[in-house]
PDBML (XML) file of the C-alpha atoms, coordinates in Angstrom:
<?xml version="1.0" encoding="UTF-8" ?>
<PDBx:datablock datablockName="MODEL"
   xmlns:PDBx="http://pdbml.pdb.org/schema/pdbx-v50.xsd"
   xmlns:xsi="http://www.w3.org/2001/XMLSchema-instance"
   xsi:schemaLocation="http://pdbml.pdb.org/schema/pdbx-v50.xsd pdbx-v50.xsd">
   <PDBx:atom_siteCategory>
      <PDBx:atom_site id="1">
         <PDBx:B_iso_or_equiv>0.00</PDBx:B_iso_or_equiv>
         <PDBx:Cartn_x>7.135</PDBx:Cartn_x>
         <PDBx:Cartn_y>6.789</PDBx:Cartn_y>
         <PDBx:Cartn_z>8.870</PDBx:Cartn_z>
         <PDBx:auth_asym_id>A</PDBx:auth_asym_id>
         <PDBx:auth_atom_id>CA</PDBx:auth_atom_id>
         <PDBx:auth_comp_id>UNK</PDBx:auth_comp_id>
         <PDBx:auth_seq_id>1</PDBx:auth_seq_id>
         <PDBx:group_PDB>ATOM</PDBx:group_PDB>
         <PDBx:label_alt_id xsi:nil="true" />
         <PDBx:label_asym_id>A</PDBx:label_asym_id>
         <PDBx:label_atom_id>CA</PDBx:label_atom_id>
         <PDBx:label_comp_id>UNK</PDBx:label_comp_id>
         <PDBx:label_entity_id>1</PDBx:label_entity_id>
         <PDBx:label_seq_id>1</PDBx:label_seq_id>
         <PDBx:occupancy>1.00</PDBx:occupancy>
         <PDBx:pdbx_PDB_model_num>1</PDBx:pdbx_PDB_model_num>
         <PDBx:type_symbol>C</PDBx:type_symbol>
      </PDBx:atom_site>
      <PDBx:atom_site id="2">
         <PDBx:B_iso_or_equiv>0.00</PDBx:B_iso_or_equiv>
         <PDBx:Cartn_x>8.766</PDBx:Cartn_x>
         <PDBx:Cartn_y>4.620</PDBx:Cartn_y>
         <PDBx:Cartn_z>6.516</PDBx:Cartn_z>
         <PDBx:auth_asym_id>A</PDBx:auth_asym_id>
         <PDBx:auth_atom_id>CA</PDBx:auth_atom_id>
         <PDBx:auth_comp_id>UNK</PDBx:auth_comp_id>
         <PDBx:auth_seq_id>2</PDBx:auth_seq_id>
         <PDBx:group_PDB>ATOM</PDBx:group_PDB>
         <PDBx:label_alt_id xsi:nil="true" />
         <PDBx:label_asym_id>A</PDBx:label_asym_id>
         <PDBx:label_atom_id>CA</PDBx:label_atom_id>
         <PDBx:label_comp_id>UNK</PDBx:label_comp_id>
         <PDBx:label_entity_id>1</PDBx:label_entity_id>
         <PDBx:label_seq_id>2</PDBx:label_seq_id>
         <PDBx:occupancy>1.00</PDBx:occupancy>
         <PDBx:pdbx_PDB_model_num>1</PDBx:pdbx_PDB_model_num>
         <PDBx:type_symbol>C</PDBx:type_symbol>
      </PDBx:atom_site>
      <PDBx:atom_site id="3">
         <PDBx:B_iso_or_equiv>0.00</PDBx:B_iso_or_equiv>
         <PDBx:Cartn_x>6.741</PDBx:Cartn_x>
         <PDBx:Cartn_y>3.933</PDBx:Cartn_y>
         <PDBx:Cartn_z>4.086</PDBx:Cartn_z>
         <PDBx:auth_asym_id>A</PDBx:auth_asym_id>
         <PDBx:auth_atom_id>CA</PDBx:auth_atom_id>
         <PDBx:auth_comp_id>UNK</PDBx:auth_comp_id>
         <PDBx:auth_seq_id>3</PDBx:auth_seq_id>
         <PDBx:group_PDB>ATOM</PDBx:group_PDB>
         <PDBx:label_alt_id xsi:nil="true" />
         <PDBx:label_asym_id>A</PDBx:label_asym_id>
         <PDBx:label_atom_id>CA</PDBx:label_atom_id>
         <PDBx:label_comp_id>UNK</PDBx:label_comp_id>
         <PDBx:label_entity_id>1</PDBx:label_entity_id>
         <PDBx:label_seq_id>3</PDBx:label_seq_id>
         <PDBx:occupancy>1.00</PDBx:occupancy>
         <PDBx:pdbx_PDB_model_num>1</PDBx:pdbx_PDB_model_num>
         <PDBx:type_symbol>C</PDBx:type_symbol>
      </PDBx:atom_site>
      <PDBx:atom_site id="4">
         <PDBx:B_iso_or_equiv>0.00</PDBx:B_iso_or_equiv>
         <PDBx:Cartn_x>2.810</PDBx:Cartn_x>
         <PDBx:Cartn_y>5.032</PDBx:Cartn_y>
         <PDBx:Cartn_z>3.344</PDBx:Cartn_z>
         <PDBx:auth_asym_id>A</PDBx:auth_asym_id>
         <PDBx:auth_atom_id>CA</PDBx:auth_atom_id>
         <PDBx:auth_comp_id>UNK</PDBx:auth_comp_id>
         <PDBx:auth_seq_id>4</PDBx:auth_seq_id>
         <PDBx:group_PDB>ATOM</PDBx:group_PDB>
         <PDBx:label_alt_id xsi:nil="true" />
         <PDBx:label_asym_id>A</PDBx:label_asym_id>
         <PDBx:label_atom_id>CA</PDBx:label_atom_id>
         <PDBx:label_comp_id>UNK</PDBx:label_comp_id>
         <PDBx:label_entity_id>1</PDBx:label_entity_id>
         <PDBx:label_seq_id>4</PDBx:label_seq_id>
         <PDBx:occupancy>1.00</PDBx:occupancy>
         <PDBx:pdbx_PDB_model_num>1</PDBx:pdbx_PDB_model_num>
         <PDBx:type_symbol>C</PDBx:type_symbol>
      </PDBx:atom_site>
      <PDBx:atom_site id="5">
         <PDBx:B_iso_or_equiv>0.00</PDBx:B_iso_or_equiv>
         <PDBx:Cartn_x>0.280</PDBx:Cartn_x>
         <PDBx:Cartn_y>3.390</PDBx:Cartn_y>
         <PDBx:Cartn_z>0.930</PDBx:Cartn_z>
         <PDBx:auth_asym_id>A</PDBx:auth_asym_id>
         <PDBx:auth_atom_id>CA</PDBx:auth_atom_id>
         <PDBx:auth_comp_id>UNK</PDBx:auth_comp_id>
         <PDBx:auth_seq_id>5</PDBx:auth_seq_id>
         <PDBx:group_PDB>ATOM</PDBx:group_PDB>
         <PDBx:label_alt_id xsi:nil="true" />
         <PDBx:label_asym_id>A</PDBx:label_asym_id>
         <PDBx:label_atom_id>CA</PDBx:label_atom_id>
         <PDBx:label_comp_id>UNK</PDBx:label_comp_id>
         <PDBx:label_entity_id>1</PDBx:label_entity_id>
         <PDBx:label_seq_id>5</PDBx:label_seq_id>
         <PDBx:occupancy>1.00</PDBx:occupancy>
         <PDBx:pdbx_PDB_model_num>1</PDBx:pdbx_PDB_model_num>
         <PDBx:type_symbol>C</PDBx:type_symbol>
      </PDBx:atom_site>
      <PDBx:atom_site id="6">
         <PDBx:B_iso_or_equiv>0.00</PDBx:B_iso_or_equiv>
         <PDBx:Cartn_x>-3.660</PDBx:Cartn_x>
         <PDBx:Cartn_y>3.656</PDBx:Cartn_y>
         <PDBx:Cartn_z>0.437</PDBx:Cartn_z>
         <PDBx:auth_asym_id>A</PDBx:auth_asym_id>
         <PDBx:auth_atom_id>CA</PDBx:auth_atom_id>
         <PDBx:auth_comp_id>UNK</PDBx:auth_comp_id>
         <PDBx:auth_seq_id>6</PDBx:auth_seq_id>
         <PDBx:group_PDB>ATOM</PDBx:group_PDB>
         <PDBx:label_alt_id xsi:nil="true" />
         <PDBx:label_asym_id>A</PDBx:label_asym_id>
         <PDBx:label_atom_id>CA</PDBx:label_atom_id>
         <PDBx:label_comp_id>UNK</PDBx:label_comp_id>
         <PDBx:label_entity_id>1</PDBx:label_entity_id>
         <PDBx:label_seq_id>6</PDBx:label_seq_id>
         <PDBx:occupancy>1.00</PDBx:occupancy>
         <PDBx:pdbx_PDB_model_num>1</PDBx:pdbx_PDB_model_num>
         <PDBx:type_symbol>C</PDBx:type_symbol>
      </PDBx:atom_site>
      <PDBx:atom_site id="7">
         <PDBx:B_iso_or_equiv>0.00</PDBx:B_iso_or_equiv>
         <PDBx:Cartn_x>-4.272</PDBx:Cartn_x>
         <PDBx:Cartn_y>0.182</PDBx:Cartn_y>
         <PDBx:Cartn_z>-0.945</PDBx:Cartn_z>
         <PDBx:auth_asym_id>A</PDBx:auth_asym_id>
         <PDBx:auth_atom_id>CA</PDBx:auth_atom_id>
         <PDBx:auth_comp_id>UNK</PDBx:auth_comp_id>
         <PDBx:auth_seq_id>7</PDBx:auth_seq_id>
         <PDBx:group_PDB>ATOM</PDBx:group_PDB>
         <PDBx:label_alt_id xsi:nil="true" />
         <PDBx:label_asym_id>A</PDBx:label_asym_id>
         <PDBx:label_atom_id>CA</PDBx:label_atom_id>
         <PDBx:label_comp_id>UNK</PDBx:label_comp_id>
         <PDBx:label_entity_id>1</PDBx:label_entity_id>
         <PDBx:label_seq_id>7</PDBx:label_seq_id>
         <PDBx:occupancy>1.00</PDBx:occupancy>
         <PDBx:pdbx_PDB_model_num>1</PDBx:pdbx_PDB_model_num>
         <PDBx:type_symbol>C</PDBx:type_symbol>
      </PDBx:atom_site>
      <PDBx:atom_site id="8">
         <PDBx:B_iso_or_equiv>0.00</PDBx:B_iso_or_equiv>
         <PDBx:Cartn_x>-8.036</PDBx:Cartn_x>
         <PDBx:Cartn_y>-1.470</PDBx:Cartn_y>
         <PDBx:Cartn_z>-0.785</PDBx:Cartn_z>
         <PDBx:auth_asym_id>A</PDBx:auth_asym_id>
         <PDBx:auth_atom_id>CA</PDBx:auth_atom_id>
         <PDBx:auth_comp_id>UNK</PDBx:auth_comp_id>
         <PDBx:auth_seq_id>8</PDBx:auth_seq_id>
         <PDBx:group_PDB>ATOM</PDBx:group_PDB>
         <PDBx:label_alt_id xsi:nil="true" />
         <PDBx:label_asym_id>A</PDBx:label_asym_id>
         <PDBx:label_atom_id>CA</PDBx:label_atom_id>
         <PDBx:label_comp_id>UNK</PDBx:label_comp_id>
         <PDBx:label_entity_id>1</PDBx:label_entity_id>
         <PDBx:label_seq_id>8</PDBx:label_seq_id>
         <PDBx:occupancy>1.00</PDBx:occupancy>
         <PDBx:pdbx_PDB_model_num>1</PDBx:pdbx_PDB_model_num>
         <PDBx:type_symbol>C</PDBx:type_symbol>
      </PDBx:atom_site>
      <PDBx:atom_site id="9">
         <PDBx:B_iso_or_equiv>0.00</PDBx:B_iso_or_equiv>
         <PDBx:Cartn_x>-8.380</PDBx:Cartn_x>
         <PDBx:Cartn_y>-3.799</PDBx:Cartn_y>
         <PDBx:Cartn_z>2.356</PDBx:Cartn_z>
         <PDBx:auth_asym_id>A</PDBx:auth_asym_id>
         <PDBx:auth_atom_id>CA</PDBx:auth_atom_id>
         <PDBx:auth_comp_id>UNK</PDBx:auth_comp_id>
         <PDBx:auth_seq_id>9</PDBx:auth_seq_id>
         <PDBx:group_PDB>ATOM</PDBx:group_PDB>
         <PDBx:label_alt_id xsi:nil="true" />
         <PDBx:label_asym_id>A</PDBx:label_asym_id>
         <PDBx:label_atom_id>CA</PDBx:label_atom_id>
         <PDBx:label_comp_id>UNK</PDBx:label_comp_id>
         <PDBx:label_entity_id>1</PDBx:label_entity_id>
         <PDBx:label_seq_id>9</PDBx:label_seq_id>
         <PDBx:occupancy>1.00</PDBx:occupancy>
         <PDBx:pdbx_PDB_model_num>1</PDBx:pdbx_PDB_model_num>
         <PDBx:type_symbol>C</PDBx:type_symbol>
      </PDBx:atom_site>
      <PDBx:atom_site id="10">
         <PDBx:B_iso_or_equiv>0.00</PDBx:B_iso_or_equiv>
         <PDBx:Cartn_x>-7.342</PDBx:Cartn_x>
         <PDBx:Cartn_y>-6.822</PDBx:Cartn_y>
         <PDBx:Cartn_z>0.997</PDBx:Cartn_z>
         <PDBx:auth_asym_id>A</PDBx:auth_asym_id>
         <PDBx:auth_atom_id>CA</PDBx:auth_atom_id>
         <PDBx:auth_comp_id>UNK</PDBx:auth_comp_id>
         <PDBx:auth_seq_id>10</PDBx:auth_seq_id>
         <PDBx:group_PDB>ATOM</PDBx:group_PDB>
         <PDBx:label_alt_id xsi:nil="true" />
         <PDBx:label_asym_id>A</PDBx:label_asym_id>
         <PDBx:label_atom_id>CA</PDBx:label_atom_id>
         <PDBx:label_comp_id>UNK</PDBx:label_comp_id>
         <PDBx:label_entity_id>1</PDBx:label_entity_id>
         <PDBx:label_seq_id>10</PDBx:label_seq_id>
         <PDBx:occupancy>1.00</PDBx:occupancy>
         <PDBx:pdbx_PDB_model_num>1</PDBx:pdbx_PDB_model_num>
         <PDBx:type_symbol>C</PDBx:type_symbol>
      </PDBx:atom_site>
      <PDBx:atom_site id="11">
         <PDBx:B_iso_or_equiv>0.00</PDBx:B_iso_or_equiv>
         <PDBx:Cartn_x>-3.662</PDBx:Cartn_x>
         <PDBx:Cartn_y>-5.030</PDBx:Cartn_y>
         <PDBx:Cartn_z>0.767</PDBx:Cartn_z>
         <PDBx:auth_asym_id>A</PDBx:auth_asym_id>
         <PDBx:auth_atom_id>CA</PDBx:auth_atom_id>
         <PDBx:auth_comp_id>UNK</PDBx:auth_comp_id>
         <PDBx:auth_seq_id>11</PDBx:auth_seq_id>
         <PDBx:group_PDB>ATOM</PDBx:group_PDB>
         <PDBx:label_alt_id xsi:nil="true" />
         <PDBx:label_asym_id>A</PDBx:label_asym_id>
         <PDBx:label_atom_id>CA</PDBx:label_atom_id>
         <PDBx:label_comp_id>UNK</PDBx:label_comp_id>
         <PDBx:label_entity_id>1</PDBx:label_entity_id>
         <PDBx:label_seq_id>11</PDBx:label_seq_id>
         <PDBx:occupancy>1.00</PDBx:occupancy>
         <PDBx:pdbx_PDB_model_num>1</PDBx:pdbx_PDB_model_num>
         <PDBx:type_symbol>C</PDBx:type_symbol>
      </PDBx:atom_site>
      <PDBx:atom_site id="12">
         <PDBx:B_iso_or_equiv>0.00</PDBx:B_iso_or_equiv>
         <PDBx:Cartn_x>-2.220</PDBx:Cartn_x>
         <PDBx:Cartn_y>-6.315</PDBx:Cartn_y>
         <PDBx:Cartn_z>4.167</PDBx:Cartn_z>
         <PDBx:auth_asym_id>A</PDBx:auth_asym_id>
         <PDBx:auth_atom_id>CA</PDBx:auth_atom_id>
         <PDBx:auth_comp_id>UNK</PDBx:auth_comp_id>
         <PDBx:auth_seq_id>12</PDBx:auth_seq_id>
         <PDBx:group_PDB>ATOM</PDBx:group_PDB>
         <PDBx:label_alt_id xsi:nil="true" />
         <PDBx:label_asym_id>A</PDBx:label_asym_id>
         <PDBx:label_atom_id>CA</PDBx:label_atom_id>
         <PDBx:label_comp_id>UNK</PDBx:label_comp_id>
         <PDBx:label_entity_id>1</PDBx:label_entity_id>
         <PDBx:label_seq_id>12</PDBx:label_seq_id>
         <PDBx:occupancy>1.00</PDBx:occupancy>
         <PDBx:pdbx_PDB_model_num>1</PDBx:pdbx_PDB_model_num>
         <PDBx:type_symbol>C</PDBx:type_symbol>
      </PDBx:atom_site>
      <PDBx:atom_site id="13">
         <PDBx:B_iso_or_equiv>0.00</PDBx:B_iso_or_equiv>
         <PDBx:Cartn_x>-2.339</PDBx:Cartn_x>
         <PDBx:Cartn_y>-9.847</PDBx:Cartn_y>
         <PDBx:Cartn_z>3.056</PDBx:Cartn_z>
         <PDBx:auth_asym_id>A</PDBx:auth_asym_id>
         <PDBx:auth_atom_id>CA</PDBx:auth_atom_id>
         <PDBx:auth_comp_id>UNK</PDBx:auth_comp_id>
         <PDBx:auth_seq_id>13</PDBx:auth_seq_id>
         <PDBx:group_PDB>ATOM</PDBx:group_PDB>
         <PDBx:label_alt_id xsi:nil="true" />
         <PDBx:label_asym_id>A</PDBx:label_asym_id>
         <PDBx:label_atom_id>CA</PDBx:label_atom_id>
         <PDBx:label_comp_id>UNK</PDBx:label_comp_id>
         <PDBx:label_entity_id>1</PDBx:label_entity_id>
         <PDBx:label_seq_id>13</PDBx:label_seq_id>
         <PDBx:occupancy>1.00</PDBx:occupancy>
         <PDBx:pdbx_PDB_model_num>1</PDBx:pdbx_PDB_model_num>
         <PDBx:type_symbol>C</PDBx:type_symbol>
      </PDBx:atom_site>
      <PDBx:atom_site id="14">
         <PDBx:B_iso_or_equiv>0.00</PDBx:B_iso_or_equiv>
         <PDBx:Cartn_x>-1.324</PDBx:Cartn_x>
         <PDBx:Cartn_y>-9.471</PDBx:Cartn_y>
         <PDBx:Cartn_z>-0.373</PDBx:Cartn_z>
         <PDBx:auth_asym_id>A</PDBx:auth_asym_id>
         <PDBx:auth_atom_id>CA</PDBx:auth_atom_id>
         <PDBx:auth_comp_id>UNK</PDBx:auth_comp_id>
         <PDBx:auth_seq_id>14</PDBx:auth_seq_id>
         <PDBx:group_PDB>ATOM</PDBx:group_PDB>
         <PDBx:label_alt_id xsi:nil="true" />
         <PDBx:label_asym_id>A</PDBx:label_asym_id>
         <PDBx:label_atom_id>CA</PDBx:label_atom_id>
         <PDBx:label_comp_id>UNK</PDBx:label_comp_id>
         <PDBx:label_entity_id>1</PDBx:label_entity_id>
         <PDBx:label_seq_id>14</PDBx:label_seq_id>
         <PDBx:occupancy>1.00</PDBx:occupancy>
         <PDBx:pdbx_PDB_model_num>1</PDBx:pdbx_PDB_model_num>
         <PDBx:type_symbol>C</PDBx:type_symbol>
      </PDBx:atom_site>
      <PDBx:atom_site id="15">
         <PDBx:B_iso_or_equiv>0.00</PDBx:B_iso_or_equiv>
         <PDBx:Cartn_x>0.544</PDBx:Cartn_x>
         <PDBx:Cartn_y>-6.224</PDBx:Cartn_y>
         <PDBx:Cartn_z>-0.425</PDBx:Cartn_z>
         <PDBx:auth_asym_id>A</PDBx:auth_asym_id>
         <PDBx:auth_atom_id>CA</PDBx:auth_atom_id>
         <PDBx:auth_comp_id>UNK</PDBx:auth_comp_id>
         <PDBx:auth_seq_id>15</PDBx:auth_seq_id>
         <PDBx:group_PDB>ATOM</PDBx:group_PDB>
         <PDBx:label_alt_id xsi:nil="true" />
         <PDBx:label_asym_id>A</PDBx:label_asym_id>
         <PDBx:label_atom_id>CA</PDBx:label_atom_id>
         <PDBx:label_comp_id>UNK</PDBx:label_comp_id>
         <PDBx:label_entity_id>1</PDBx:label_entity_id>
         <PDBx:label_seq_id>15</PDBx:label_seq_id>
         <PDBx:occupancy>1.00</PDBx:occupancy>
         <PDBx:pdbx_PDB_model_num>1</PDBx:pdbx_PDB_model_num>
         <PDBx:type_symbol>C</PDBx:type_symbol>
      </PDBx:atom_site>
      <PDBx:atom_site id="16">
         <PDBx:B_iso_or_equiv>0.00</PDBx:B_iso_or_equiv>
         <PDBx:Cartn_x>2.139</PDBx:Cartn_x>
         <PDBx:Cartn_y>-6.808</PDBx:Cartn_y>
         <PDBx:Cartn_z>-3.918</PDBx:Cartn_z>
         <PDBx:auth_asym_id>A</PDBx:auth_asym_id>
         <PDBx:auth_atom_id>CA</PDBx:auth_atom_id>
         <PDBx:auth_comp_id>UNK</PDBx:auth_comp_id>
         <PDBx:auth_seq_id>16</PDBx:auth_seq_id>
         <PDBx:group_PDB>ATOM</PDBx:group_PDB>
         <PDBx:label_alt_id xsi:nil="true" />
         <PDBx:label_asym_id>A</PDBx:label_asym_id>
         <PDBx:label_atom_id>CA</PDBx:label_atom_id>
         <PDBx:label_comp_id>UNK</PDBx:label_comp_id>
         <PDBx:label_entity_id>1</PDBx:label_entity_id>
         <PDBx:label_seq_id>16</PDBx:label_seq_id>
         <PDBx:occupancy>1.00</PDBx:occupancy>
         <PDBx:pdbx_PDB_model_num>1</PDBx:pdbx_PDB_model_num>
         <PDBx:type_symbol>C</PDBx:type_symbol>
      </PDBx:atom_site>
      <PDBx:atom_site id="17">
         <PDBx:B_iso_or_equiv>0.00</PDBx:B_iso_or_equiv>
         <PDBx:Cartn_x>-1.617</PDBx:Cartn_x>
         <PDBx:Cartn_y>-6.325</PDBx:Cartn_y>
         <PDBx:Cartn_z>-5.712</PDBx:Cartn_z>
         <PDBx:auth_asym_id>A</PDBx:auth_asym_id>
         <PDBx:auth_atom_id>CA</PDBx:auth_atom_id>
         <PDBx:auth_comp_id>UNK</PDBx:auth_comp_id>
         <PDBx:auth_seq_id>17</PDBx:auth_seq_id>
         <PDBx:group_PDB>ATOM</PDBx:group_PDB>
         <PDBx:label_alt_id xsi:nil="true" />
         <PDBx:label_asym_id>A</PDBx:label_asym_id>
         <PDBx:label_atom_id>CA</PDBx:label_atom_id>
         <PDBx:label_comp_id>UNK</PDBx:label_comp_id>
         <PDBx:label_entity_id>1</PDBx:label_entity_id>
         <PDBx:label_seq_id>17</PDBx:label_seq_id>
         <PDBx:occupancy>1.00</PDBx:occupancy>
         <PDBx:pdbx_PDB_model_num>1</PDBx:pdbx_PDB_model_num>
         <PDBx:type_symbol>C</PDBx:type_symbol>
      </PDBx:atom_site>
      <PDBx:atom_site id="18">
         <PDBx:B_iso_or_equiv>0.00</PDBx:B_iso_or_equiv>
         <PDBx:Cartn_x>-2.704</PDBx:Cartn_x>
         <PDBx:Cartn_y>-2.859</PDBx:Cartn_y>
         <PDBx:Cartn_z>-7.196</PDBx:Cartn_z>
         <PDBx:auth_asym_id>A</PDBx:auth_asym_id>
         <PDBx:auth_atom_id>CA</PDBx:auth_atom_id>
         <PDBx:auth_comp_id>UNK</PDBx:auth_comp_id>
         <PDBx:auth_seq_id>18</PDBx:auth_seq_id>
         <PDBx:group_PDB>ATOM</PDBx:group_PDB>
         <PDBx:label_alt_id xsi:nil="true" />
         <PDBx:label_asym_id>A</PDBx:label_asym_id>
         <PDBx:label_atom_id>CA</PDBx:label_atom_id>
         <PDBx:label_comp_id>UNK</PDBx:label_comp_id>
         <PDBx:label_entity_id>1</PDBx:label_entity_id>
         <PDBx:label_seq_id>18</PDBx:label_seq_id>
         <PDBx:occupancy>1.00</PDBx:occupancy>
         <PDBx:pdbx_PDB_model_num>1</PDBx:pdbx_PDB_model_num>
         <PDBx:type_symbol>C</PDBx:type_symbol>
      </PDBx:atom_site>
      <PDBx:atom_site id="19">
         <PDBx:B_iso_or_equiv>0.00</PDBx:B_iso_or_equiv>
         <PDBx:Cartn_x>-2.475</PDBx:Cartn_x>
         <PDBx:Cartn_y>0.118</PDBx:Cartn_y>
         <PDBx:Cartn_z>-5.190</PDBx:Cartn_z>
         <PDBx:auth_asym_id>A</PDBx:auth_asym_id>
         <PDBx:auth_atom_id>CA</PDBx:auth_atom_id>
         <PDBx:auth_comp_id>UNK</PDBx:auth_comp_id>
         <PDBx:auth_seq_id>19</PDBx:auth_seq_id>
         <PDBx:group_PDB>ATOM</PDBx:group_PDB>
         <PDBx:label_alt_id xsi:nil="true" />
         <PDBx:label_asym_id>A</PDBx:label_asym_id>
         <PDBx:label_atom_id>CA</PDBx:label_atom_id>
         <PDBx:label_comp_id>UNK</PDBx:label_comp_id>
         <PDBx:label_entity_id>1</PDBx:label_entity_id>
         <PDBx:label_seq_id>19</PDBx:label_seq_id>
         <PDBx:occupancy>1.00</PDBx:occupancy>
         <PDBx:pdbx_PDB_model_num>1</PDBx:pdbx_PDB_model_num>
         <PDBx:type_symbol>C</PDBx:type_symbol>
      </PDBx:atom_site>
      <PDBx:atom_site id="20">
         <PDBx:B_iso_or_equiv>0.00</PDBx:B_iso_or_equiv>
         <PDBx:Cartn_x>-0.886</PDBx:Cartn_x>
         <PDBx:Cartn_y>3.660</PDBx:Cartn_y>
         <PDBx:Cartn_z>-4.310</PDBx:Cartn_z>
         <PDBx:auth_asym_id>A</PDBx:auth_asym_id>
         <PDBx:auth_atom_id>CA</PDBx:auth_atom_id>
         <PDBx:auth_comp_id>UNK</PDBx:auth_comp_id>
         <PDBx:auth_seq_id>20</PDBx:auth_seq_id>
         <PDBx:group_PDB>ATOM</PDBx:group_PDB>
         <PDBx:label_alt_id xsi:nil="true" />
         <PDBx:label_asym_id>A</PDBx:label_asym_id>
         <PDBx:label_atom_id>CA</PDBx:label_atom_id>
         <PDBx:label_comp_id>UNK</PDBx:label_comp_id>
         <PDBx:label_entity_id>1</PDBx:label_entity_id>
         <PDBx:label_seq_id>20</PDBx:label_seq_id>
         <PDBx:occupancy>1.00</PDBx:occupancy>
         <PDBx:pdbx_PDB_model_num>1</PDBx:pdbx_PDB_model_num>
         <PDBx:type_symbol>C</PDBx:type_symbol>
      </PDBx:atom_site>
      <PDBx:atom_site id="21">
         <PDBx:B_iso_or_equiv>0.00</PDBx:B_iso_or_equiv>
         <PDBx:Cartn_x>2.439</PDBx:Cartn_x>
         <PDBx:Cartn_y>4.071</PDBx:Cartn_y>
         <PDBx:Cartn_z>-2.825</PDBx:Cartn_z>
         <PDBx:auth_asym_id>A</PDBx:auth_asym_id>
         <PDBx:auth_atom_id>CA</PDBx:auth_atom_id>
         <PDBx:auth_comp_id>UNK</PDBx:auth_comp_id>
         <PDBx:auth_seq_id>21</PDBx:auth_seq_id>
         <PDBx:group_PDB>ATOM</PDBx:group_PDB>
         <PDBx:label_alt_id xsi:nil="true" />
         <PDBx:label_asym_id>A</PDBx:label_asym_id>
         <PDBx:label_atom_id>CA</PDBx:label_atom_id>
         <PDBx:label_comp_id>UNK</PDBx:label_comp_id>
         <PDBx:label_entity_id>1</PDBx:label_entity_id>
         <PDBx:label_seq_id>21</PDBx:label_seq_id>
         <PDBx:occupancy>1.00</PDBx:occupancy>
         <PDBx:pdbx_PDB_model_num>1</PDBx:pdbx_PDB_model_num>
         <PDBx:type_symbol>C</PDBx:type_symbol>
      </PDBx:atom_site>
      <PDBx:atom_site id="22">
         <PDBx:B_iso_or_equiv>0.00</PDBx:B_iso_or_equiv>
         <PDBx:Cartn_x>3.318</PDBx:Cartn_x>
         <PDBx:Cartn_y>7.905</PDBx:Cartn_y>
         <PDBx:Cartn_z>-1.395</PDBx:Cartn_z>
         <PDBx:auth_asym_id>A</PDBx:auth_asym_id>
         <PDBx:auth_atom_id>CA</PDBx:auth_atom_id>
         <PDBx:auth_comp_id>UNK</PDBx:auth_comp_id>
         <PDBx:auth_seq_id>22</PDBx:auth_seq_id>
         <PDBx:group_PDB>ATOM</PDBx:group_PDB>
         <PDBx:label_alt_id xsi:nil="true" />
         <PDBx:label_asym_id>A</PDBx:label_asym_id>
         <PDBx:label_atom_id>CA</PDBx:label_atom_id>
         <PDBx:label_comp_id>UNK</PDBx:label_comp_id>
         <PDBx:label_entity_id>1</PDBx:label_entity_id>
         <PDBx:label_seq_id>22</PDBx:label_seq_id>
         <PDBx:occupancy>1.00</PDBx:occupancy>
         <PDBx:pdbx_PDB_model_num>1</PDBx:pdbx_PDB_model_num>
         <PDBx:type_symbol>C</PDBx:type_symbol>
      </PDBx:atom_site>
      <PDBx:atom_site id="23">
         <PDBx:B_iso_or_equiv>0.00</PDBx:B_iso_or_equiv>
         <PDBx:Cartn_x>6.575</PDBx:Cartn_x>
         <PDBx:Cartn_y>9.133</PDBx:Cartn_y>
         <PDBx:Cartn_z>-1.732</PDBx:Cartn_z>
         <PDBx:auth_asym_id>A</PDBx:auth_asym_id>
         <PDBx:auth_atom_id>CA</PDBx:auth_atom_id>
         <PDBx:auth_comp_id>UNK</PDBx:auth_comp_id>
         <PDBx:auth_seq_id>23</PDBx:auth_seq_id>
         <PDBx:group_PDB>ATOM</PDBx:group_PDB>
         <PDBx:label_alt_id xsi:nil="true" />
         <PDBx:label_asym_id>A</PDBx:label_asym_id>
         <PDBx:label_atom_id>CA</PDBx:label_atom_id>
         <PDBx:label_comp_id>UNK</PDBx:label_comp_id>
         <PDBx:label_entity_id>1</PDBx:label_entity_id>
         <PDBx:label_seq_id>23</PDBx:label_seq_id>
         <PDBx:occupancy>1.00</PDBx:occupancy>
         <PDBx:pdbx_PDB_model_num>1</PDBx:pdbx_PDB_model_num>
         <PDBx:type_symbol>C</PDBx:type_symbol>
      </PDBx:atom_site>
      <PDBx:atom_site id="24">
         <PDBx:B_iso_or_equiv>0.00</PDBx:B_iso_or_equiv>
         <PDBx:Cartn_x>8.172</PDBx:Cartn_x>
         <PDBx:Cartn_y>12.481</PDBx:Cartn_y>
         <PDBx:Cartn_z>-0.719</PDBx:Cartn_z>
         <PDBx:auth_asym_id>A</PDBx:auth_asym_id>
         <PDBx:auth_atom_id>CA</PDBx:auth_atom_id>
         <PDBx:auth_comp_id>UNK</PDBx:auth_comp_id>
         <PDBx:auth_seq_id>24</PDBx:auth_seq_id>
         <PDBx:group_PDB>ATOM</PDBx:group_PDB>
         <PDBx:label_alt_id xsi:nil="true" />
         <PDBx:label_asym_id>A</PDBx:label_asym_id>
         <PDBx:label_atom_id>CA</PDBx:label_atom_id>
         <PDBx:label_comp_id>UNK</PDBx:label_comp_id>
         <PDBx:label_entity_id>1</PDBx:label_entity_id>
         <PDBx:label_seq_id>24</PDBx:label_seq_id>
         <PDBx:occupancy>1.00</PDBx:occupancy>
         <PDBx:pdbx_PDB_model_num>1</PDBx:pdbx_PDB_model_num>
         <PDBx:type_symbol>C</PDBx:type_symbol>
      </PDBx:atom_site>
   </PDBx:atom_siteCategory>
</PDBx:datablock>
């Protein structure tokens, strides 16, 4: 899976907002 994010429900419309990005 290319990208994984944990975020507020508004994130899908505003992907630059504060959120958590997961990487290996």
